[in-house]
C-alpha atoms as a PDB file:
ATOM      1  CA  MET A   1       6.239  15.035  21.805  1.00  0.00           C
ATOM      2  CA  VAL A   2       8.492  12.631  19.946  1.00  0.00           C
ATOM      3  CA  ARG A   3       7.514  10.865  16.715  1.00  0.00           C
ATOM      4  CA  LYS A   4       7.998   7.091  17.120  1.00  0.00           C
ATOM      5  CA  ARG A   5       7.483   4.127  14.821  1.00  0.00           C
ATOM      6  CA  PHE A   6       4.757   1.851  16.121  1.00  0.00           C
ATOM      7  CA  VAL A   7       4.818  -0.833  13.412  1.00  0.00           C
ATOM      8  CA  VAL A   8       6.211  -1.569   9.943  1.00  0.00           C
ATOM      9  CA  GLU A   9       4.327  -4.078   7.815  1.00  0.00           C
ATOM     10  CA  LEU A  10       4.989  -5.365   4.291  1.00  0.00           C
ATOM     11  CA  GLY A  11       2.667  -6.532   1.548  1.00  0.00           C
ATOM     12  CA  THR A  12       2.569  -7.672  -2.065  1.00  0.00           C
ATOM     13  CA  GLY A  13      -0.085  -7.173  -4.716  1.00  0.00           C
ATOM     14  CA  ALA A  14      -0.528  -7.935  -8.399  1.00  0.00           C
ATOM     15  CA  ASP A  15      -2.725  -6.871 -11.265  1.00  0.00           C
ATOM     16  CA  LEU A  16      -3.101 -10.064 -13.268  1.00  0.00           C
ATOM     17  CA  HIS A  17      -4.960  -8.514 -16.193  1.00  0.00           C
ATOM     18  CA  GLY A  18      -4.944  -4.908 -17.291  1.00  0.00           C
ATOM     19  CA  GLU A  19      -1.350  -3.963 -16.454  1.00  0.00           C
ATOM     20  CA  ASN A  20      -2.557  -1.385 -13.916  1.00  0.00           C
ATOM     21  CA  VAL A  21       0.173  -0.461 -11.430  1.00  0.00           C
ATOM     22  CA  THR A  22      -2.245   1.479  -9.221  1.00  0.00           C
ATOM     23  CA  ASP A  23      -4.374  -1.645  -8.766  1.00  0.00           C
ATOM     24  CA  ALA A  24      -1.271  -3.687  -7.923  1.00  0.00           C
ATOM     25  CA  CYS A  25      -0.143  -1.065  -5.398  1.00  0.00           C
ATOM     26  CA  CYS A  26      -3.587  -0.881  -3.774  1.00  0.00           C
ATOM     27  CA  LYS A  27      -3.614  -4.655  -3.393  1.00  0.00           C
ATOM     28  CA  ALA A  28      -0.123  -4.553  -1.846  1.00  0.00           C
ATOM     29  CA  VAL A  29      -1.266  -1.967   0.700  1.00  0.00           C
ATOM     30  CA  LYS A  30      -4.382  -4.012   1.524  1.00  0.00           C
ATOM     31  CA  ASP A  31      -2.173  -7.091   1.950  1.00  0.00           C
ATOM     32  CA  ALA A  32       0.104  -5.272   4.395  1.00  0.00           C
ATOM     33  CA  ILE A  33      -2.799  -3.822   6.365  1.00  0.00           C
ATOM     34  CA  SER A  34      -4.517  -7.200   6.572  1.00  0.00           C
ATOM     35  CA  ARG A  35      -1.508  -8.569   8.488  1.00  0.00           C
ATOM     36  CA  SER A  36      -1.766  -6.106  11.388  1.00  0.00           C
ATOM     37  CA  CYS A  37      -4.136  -5.522  14.258  1.00  0.00           C
ATOM     38  CA  LEU A  38      -3.076  -2.284  15.883  1.00  0.00           C
ATOM     39  CA  CYS A  39      -4.638  -3.100  19.249  1.00  0.00           C
ATOM     40  CA  GLY A  40      -1.603  -1.598  20.963  1.00  0.00           C
ATOM     41  CA  LEU A  41      -2.762   1.846  19.882  1.00  0.00           C
ATOM     42  CA  LEU A  42      -5.731   1.443  22.196  1.00  0.00           C
ATOM     43  CA  GLU A  43      -4.534  -1.002  24.832  1.00  0.00           C
ATOM     44  CA  ILE A  44      -0.947   0.181  25.365  1.00  0.00           C
ATOM     45  CA  LEU A  45      -0.841   3.779  24.158  1.00  0.00           C
ATOM     46  CA  GLU A  46      -4.472   4.446  25.135  1.00  0.00           C
ATOM     47  CA  LEU A  47      -5.097   6.525  22.021  1.00  0.00           C
ATOM     48  CA  SER A  48      -8.666   7.655  21.622  1.00  0.00           C
ATOM     49  CA  ASN A  49      -8.267   9.352  18.244  1.00  0.00           C
ATOM     50  CA  PHE A  50      -6.788   7.170  15.520  1.00  0.00           C
ATOM     51  CA  GLU A  51      -6.816  10.083  13.082  1.00  0.00           C
ATOM     52  CA  ASP A  52      -3.725  11.476  14.843  1.00  0.00           C
ATOM     53  CA  VAL A  53      -1.731   8.385  13.874  1.00  0.00           C
ATOM     54  CA  GLU A  54       0.565   8.919  10.893  1.00  0.00           C
ATOM     55  CA  ILE A  55       0.531   6.305   8.129  1.00  0.00           C
ATOM     56  CA  ASP A  56       3.479   6.370   5.719  1.00  0.00           C
ATOM     57  CA  ILE A  57       2.937   4.247   2.622  1.00  0.00           C
ATOM     58  CA  LEU A  58       5.799   3.342   0.306  1.00  0.00           C
ATOM     59  CA  VAL A  59       5.044   1.316  -2.819  1.00  0.00           C
ATOM     60  CA  ALA A  60       7.593  -0.118  -5.239  1.00  0.00           C
ATOM     61  CA  CYS A  61       6.339  -1.023  -8.683  1.00  0.00           C
ATOM     62  CA  PRO A  62       7.056  -0.888 -12.392  1.00  0.00           C
ATOM     63  CA  LYS A  63       6.052   2.533 -13.759  1.00  0.00           C
ATOM     64  CA  PRO A  64       5.863   4.411 -10.425  1.00  0.00           C
ATOM     65  CA  GLU A  65       5.008   7.593 -12.324  1.00  0.00           C
ATOM     66  CA  GLU A  66       1.641   6.048 -13.265  1.00  0.00           C
ATOM     67  CA  VAL A  67       0.519   5.313  -9.692  1.00  0.00           C
ATOM     68  CA  ASP A  68      -2.517   7.232  -8.440  1.00  0.00           C
ATOM     69  CA  LEU A  69      -1.253   7.989  -4.932  1.00  0.00           C
ATOM     70  CA  GLU A  70      -4.656   9.234  -3.762  1.00  0.00           C
ATOM     71  CA  LYS A  71      -6.140   5.802  -4.462  1.00  0.00           C
ATOM     72  CA  VAL A  72      -3.223   4.161  -2.683  1.00  0.00           C
ATOM     73  CA  LYS A  73      -3.635   6.396   0.401  1.00  0.00           C
ATOM     74  CA  ALA A  74      -7.358   5.625   0.462  1.00  0.00           C
ATOM     75  CA  GLN A  75      -6.552   1.983   1.287  1.00  0.00           C
ATOM     76  CA  ALA A  76      -5.465   2.954   4.818  1.00  0.00           C
ATOM     77  CA  PRO A  77      -8.528   3.084   7.071  1.00  0.00           C
ATOM     78  CA  ILE A  78      -7.135   5.478   9.693  1.00  0.00           C
ATOM     79  CA  GLY A  79      -4.686   8.281  10.218  1.00  0.00           C
ATOM     80  CA  LYS A  80      -2.939  11.071   8.413  1.00  0.00           C
ATOM     81  CA  ARG A  81      -1.703   9.376   5.270  1.00  0.00           C
ATOM     82  CA  THR A  82       1.272  10.006   3.034  1.00  0.00           C
ATOM     83  CA  ALA A  83       2.270   7.905   0.037  1.00  0.00           C
ATOM     84  CA  ARG A  84       5.065   7.727  -2.460  1.00  0.00           C
ATOM     85  CA  ALA A  85       5.954   5.392  -5.282  1.00  0.00           C
ATOM     86  CA  VAL A  86       9.403   4.241  -6.327  1.00  0.00           C
ATOM     87  CA  ALA A  87      10.701   1.956  -9.048  1.00  0.00           C
ATOM     88  CA  GLY A  88      10.621  -1.709  -8.126  1.00  0.00           C
ATOM     89  CA  GLY A  89       8.228  -4.621  -8.089  1.00  0.00           C
ATOM     90  CA  MET A  90       8.168  -6.947 -11.039  1.00  0.00           C
ATOM     91  CA  VAL A  91       6.673  -7.511 -14.466  1.00  0.00           C
ATOM     92  CA  THR A  92       6.096 -11.102 -15.484  1.00  0.00           C
ATOM     93  CA  GLN A  93       4.399 -12.799 -18.393  1.00  0.00           C
ATOM     94  CA  GLY A  94       0.711 -13.596 -18.015  1.00  0.00           C
ATOM     95  CA  ILE A  95      -2.050 -14.162 -20.537  1.00  0.00           C
ATOM     96  CA  CYS A  96      -4.227 -11.649 -22.310  1.00  0.00           C
ATOM     97  CA  VAL A  97      -7.956 -11.879 -21.742  1.00  0.00           C
ATOM     98  CA  PRO A  98      -9.451  -9.422 -24.245  1.00  0.00           C
ATOM     99  CA  ARG A  99     -12.492  -8.609 -22.102  1.00  0.00           C
ATOM    100  CA  PHE A 100     -10.100  -7.180 -19.435  1.00  0.00           C
ATOM    101  CA  GLY A 101      -8.197  -4.967 -21.875  1.00  0.00           C
ATOM    102  CA  PRO A 102      -6.238  -5.023 -25.111  1.00  0.00           C
ATOM    103  CA  GLU A 103      -2.653  -6.245 -25.160  1.00  0.00           C
ATOM    104  CA  CYS A 104      -2.674  -6.958 -21.438  1.00  0.00           C
ATOM    105  CA  ASP A 105      -0.518 -10.062 -21.188  1.00  0.00           C
ATOM    106  CA  ARG A 106       1.866  -8.791 -18.505  1.00  0.00           C
ATOM    107  CA  ILE A 107       1.342  -9.111 -14.760  1.00  0.00           C
ATOM    108  CA  MET A 108       2.284  -6.063 -12.686  1.00  0.00           C
ATOM    109  CA  VAL A 109       3.574  -6.855  -9.189  1.00  0.00           C
ATOM    110  CA  ALA A 110       4.003  -4.245  -6.447  1.00  0.00           C
ATOM    111  CA  ASN A 111       5.413  -4.262  -2.930  1.00  0.00           C
ATOM    112  CA  ALA A 112       4.268  -2.024  -0.092  1.00  0.00           C
ATOM    113  CA  SER A 113       5.764  -0.931   3.188  1.00  0.00           C
ATOM    114  CA  ILE A 114       3.350   0.588   5.675  1.00  0.00           C
ATOM    115  CA  THR A 115       4.854   2.453   8.634  1.00  0.00           C
ATOM    116  CA  VAL A 116       2.599   3.580  11.460  1.00  0.00           C
ATOM    117  CA  TRP A 117       3.947   6.496  13.489  1.00  0.00           C
ATOM    118  CA  VAL A 118       2.660   7.871  16.788  1.00  0.00           C
ATOM    119  CA  ASN A 119       3.527  11.023  18.699  1.00  0.00           C
ATOM    120  CA  GLN A 120       4.413  10.386  22.328  1.00  0.00           C
END
């Protein structure tokens, strides 16, 4: 069996209030996943067990050391999931809404790359 890339998809997410990089990363992963219908897994590769598919998640964000990778991996609905976080994304000025958290006037932006691998 040879490991082959089936698809690579990109996404972007932001936490507008709260400065939570995990939330921004989760939104980026959801954005990437929402752009793909992996019908080829069934119709071309004739896979019957989607849990054998490998999902590699890479997120780039400010403060990658603060990302809860288990929450990020949980965004993928199928497969054997791996995730890692690297420095990247963006911080931009927002507004602070006290009911969402103290001193939370920065917007955290994250990018995600989702690679789906299959063994053939």
